[in-house]
Structures are given as C-alpha cells and as structure tokens.
C-alpha atoms as a PDB file:
ATOM      1  CA  MET A   1     -42.766 -30.268  30.743  1.00  0.00           C
ATOM      2  CA  LYS A   2     -40.441 -30.190  27.701  1.00  0.00           C
ATOM      3  CA  THR A   3     -37.155 -32.039  27.773  1.00  0.00           C
ATOM      4  CA  ILE A   4     -34.153 -30.181  26.712  1.00  0.00           C
ATOM      5  CA  ARG A   5     -32.055 -31.997  23.910  1.00  0.00           C
ATOM      6  CA  LYS A   6     -28.352 -31.812  24.580  1.00  0.00           C
ATOM      7  CA  SER A   7     -26.436 -30.457  21.615  1.00  0.00           C
ATOM      8  CA  SER A   8     -23.899 -32.686  20.002  1.00  0.00           C
ATOM      9  CA  GLY A   9     -21.288 -30.118  19.846  1.00  0.00           C
ATOM     10  CA  MET A  10     -21.620 -29.530  16.137  1.00  0.00           C
ATOM     11  CA  THR A  11     -23.031 -26.011  16.545  1.00  0.00           C
ATOM     12  CA  PHE A  12     -19.969 -25.006  18.503  1.00  0.00           C
ATOM     13  CA  PHE A  13     -17.668 -26.595  15.948  1.00  0.00           C
ATOM     14  CA  VAL A  14     -19.313 -24.591  13.149  1.00  0.00           C
ATOM     15  CA  LEU A  15     -19.236 -21.447  15.219  1.00  0.00           C
ATOM     16  CA  LYS A  16     -15.694 -21.893  16.125  1.00  0.00           C
ATOM     17  CA  THR A  17     -14.719 -22.528  12.502  1.00  0.00           C
ATOM     18  CA  GLY A  18     -16.757 -19.651  11.184  1.00  0.00           C
ATOM     19  CA  LEU A  19     -15.126 -17.190  13.709  1.00  0.00           C
ATOM     20  CA  THR A  20     -11.552 -18.659  12.859  1.00  0.00           C
ATOM     21  CA  CYS A  21     -12.226 -18.106   9.096  1.00  0.00           C
ATOM     22  CA  CYS A  22     -13.396 -14.388   9.842  1.00  0.00           C
ATOM     23  CA  PHE A  23     -10.454 -13.709  12.022  1.00  0.00           C
ATOM     24  CA  LEU A  24      -7.993 -15.172   9.468  1.00  0.00           C
ATOM     25  CA  LEU A  25      -9.695 -13.280   6.639  1.00  0.00           C
ATOM     26  CA  LEU A  26      -9.235 -10.009   8.417  1.00  0.00           C
ATOM     27  CA  LEU A  27      -5.638 -10.751   9.334  1.00  0.00           C
ATOM     28  CA  ASN A  28      -4.729 -12.002   5.831  1.00  0.00           C
ATOM     29  CA  ALA A  29      -6.341  -8.815   4.307  1.00  0.00           C
ATOM     30  CA  VAL A  30      -4.105  -6.698   6.308  1.00  0.00           C
ATOM     31  CA  LEU A  31      -1.059  -8.876   5.452  1.00  0.00           C
ATOM     32  CA  VAL A  32      -1.970  -8.720   1.723  1.00  0.00           C
ATOM     33  CA  GLN A  33      -2.478  -4.972   1.909  1.00  0.00           C
ATOM     34  CA  MET A  34       0.926  -4.412   3.354  1.00  0.00           C
ATOM     35  CA  CYS A  35       2.595  -6.718   0.780  1.00  0.00           C
ATOM     36  CA  CYS A  36       0.919  -4.784  -1.990  1.00  0.00           C
ATOM     37  CA  VAL A  37       2.172  -1.532  -0.630  1.00  0.00           C
ATOM     38  CA  VAL A  38       5.713  -2.979  -0.416  1.00  0.00           C
ATOM     39  CA  LEU A  39       5.604  -4.525  -3.756  1.00  0.00           C
ATOM     40  CA  ARG A  40       4.423  -1.333  -5.263  1.00  0.00           C
ATOM     41  CA  ASP A  41       7.894   0.012  -4.737  1.00  0.00           C
ATOM     42  CA  PHE A  42       9.678  -3.000  -5.975  1.00  0.00           C
ATOM     43  CA  ALA A  43       7.615  -3.822  -9.114  1.00  0.00           C
ATOM     44  CA  PRO A  44       5.930  -0.476 -10.068  1.00  0.00           C
ATOM     45  CA  ASP A  45       5.224  -1.703 -13.637  1.00  0.00           C
ATOM     46  CA  ILE A  46       3.171  -4.745 -12.469  1.00  0.00           C
ATOM     47  CA  PHE A  47       1.480  -3.111  -9.284  1.00  0.00           C
ATOM     48  CA  SER A  48       0.585   0.276 -11.073  1.00  0.00           C
ATOM     49  CA  ASP A  49      -2.353  -1.366 -12.634  1.00  0.00           C
ATOM     50  CA  PRO A  50      -5.418  -1.118 -10.397  1.00  0.00           C
ATOM     51  CA  ARG A  51      -6.837  -4.391 -11.681  1.00  0.00           C
ATOM     52  CA  VAL A  52      -3.719  -6.294 -10.541  1.00  0.00           C
ATOM     53  CA  ILE A  53      -4.061  -4.644  -7.067  1.00  0.00           C
ATOM     54  CA  GLN A  54      -7.817  -5.470  -6.882  1.00  0.00           C
ATOM     55  CA  ALA A  55      -7.178  -9.039  -7.868  1.00  0.00           C
ATOM     56  CA  ALA A  56      -4.322  -9.500  -5.275  1.00  0.00           C
ATOM     57  CA  LEU A  57      -6.454  -7.846  -2.478  1.00  0.00           C
ATOM     58  CA  PHE A  58      -9.486 -10.166  -3.279  1.00  0.00           C
ATOM     59  CA  PHE A  59      -7.807 -13.506  -4.068  1.00  0.00           C
ATOM     60  CA  GLY A  60      -4.799 -13.087  -1.671  1.00  0.00           C
ATOM     61  CA  PRO A  61      -6.522 -13.507   1.700  1.00  0.00           C
ATOM     62  CA  ILE A  62      -8.785 -16.291   0.344  1.00  0.00           C
ATOM     63  CA  MET A  63      -5.820 -18.229  -0.931  1.00  0.00           C
ATOM     64  CA  LEU A  64      -4.044 -17.716   2.366  1.00  0.00           C
ATOM     65  CA  ILE A  65      -7.004 -19.210   4.403  1.00  0.00           C
ATOM     66  CA  PHE A  66      -6.786 -22.345   2.324  1.00  0.00           C
ATOM     67  CA  ILE A  67      -3.007 -22.621   2.815  1.00  0.00           C
ATOM     68  CA  GLU A  68      -3.296 -21.960   6.509  1.00  0.00           C
ATOM     69  CA  PHE A  69      -6.030 -24.675   6.840  1.00  0.00           C
ATOM     70  CA  TRP A  70      -3.945 -26.987   4.759  1.00  0.00           C
ATOM     71  CA  ILE A  71      -0.936 -26.481   7.041  1.00  0.00           C
ATOM     72  CA  TYR A  72      -3.205 -27.049  10.070  1.00  0.00           C
ATOM     73  CA  ASP A  73      -4.506 -30.271   8.812  1.00  0.00           C
ATOM     74  CA  ARG A  74      -1.039 -31.522   7.891  1.00  0.00           C
ATOM     75  CA  ARG A  75       0.190 -30.794  11.394  1.00  0.00           C
ATOM     76  CA  VAL A  76      -2.836 -32.501  12.968  1.00  0.00           C
ATOM     77  CA  ASP A  77      -2.408 -35.418  10.704  1.00  0.00           C
ATOM     78  CA  SER A  78       1.255 -35.817  11.357  1.00  0.00           C
ATOM     79  CA  ARG A  79       0.687 -35.623  15.252  1.00  0.00           C
ATOM     80  CA  SER A  80      -1.968 -38.177  15.065  1.00  0.00           C
ATOM     81  CA  ARG A  81       0.285 -40.629  13.085  1.00  0.00           C
ATOM     82  CA  THR A  82       3.094 -40.191  15.582  1.00  0.00           C
ATOM     83  CA  ALA A  83       0.680 -40.650  18.529  1.00  0.00           C
ATOM     84  CA  GLY A  84      -0.658 -43.781  16.919  1.00  0.00           C
ATOM     85  CA  THR A  85       2.868 -45.361  16.457  1.00  0.00           C
ATOM     86  CA  LYS A  86       3.924 -44.897  20.056  1.00  0.00           C
ATOM     87  CA  ASN A  87       1.526 -47.502  21.293  1.00  0.00           C
END
C-alpha cells in the first residue's frame, strides 16, 4: 500500500499567489483602460498616438501589480515589527 505524502503547503501558496496576480492583472487592466479614456479628453495631444495608448495598456497593469505587492510587503513588514516590539 502506498503512503500518501503530506504537502508542505507550498503548492497552495503558489496557487494562491498566481490567482491573486491574475485577479490583480484583470482589475488593473480595467483601471488603466478607464484612465486612458479619461486622459484622452484631458491630454489629446499625448493620447491620440496609438503607440502611447498601447504602451500604457501593456505596462500600466504590470507596474501596478509591482506597486501593489510592494505596498502589501511594506504593510506586512511594519505589522511584524510592531508585533515584535510589544513583547
């Protein structure tokens, strides 16, 4: 009879991180698209070029994911420091 090895939880972590990235990418793509539509009215000289819009729609959501994870890491780090100083 085969013994079943218990998972270390790493698979769940990778799955959770991947799903979070996919969700944030979709959310950020919608936000960047809305910003491009609004900015097209305020800065028509810049956002009339399709290359600028395409670059914003490609790099915008990716940059937002890095910023969101950076903010999350900063919050977790600050909470761990305050929890460590209470002891």
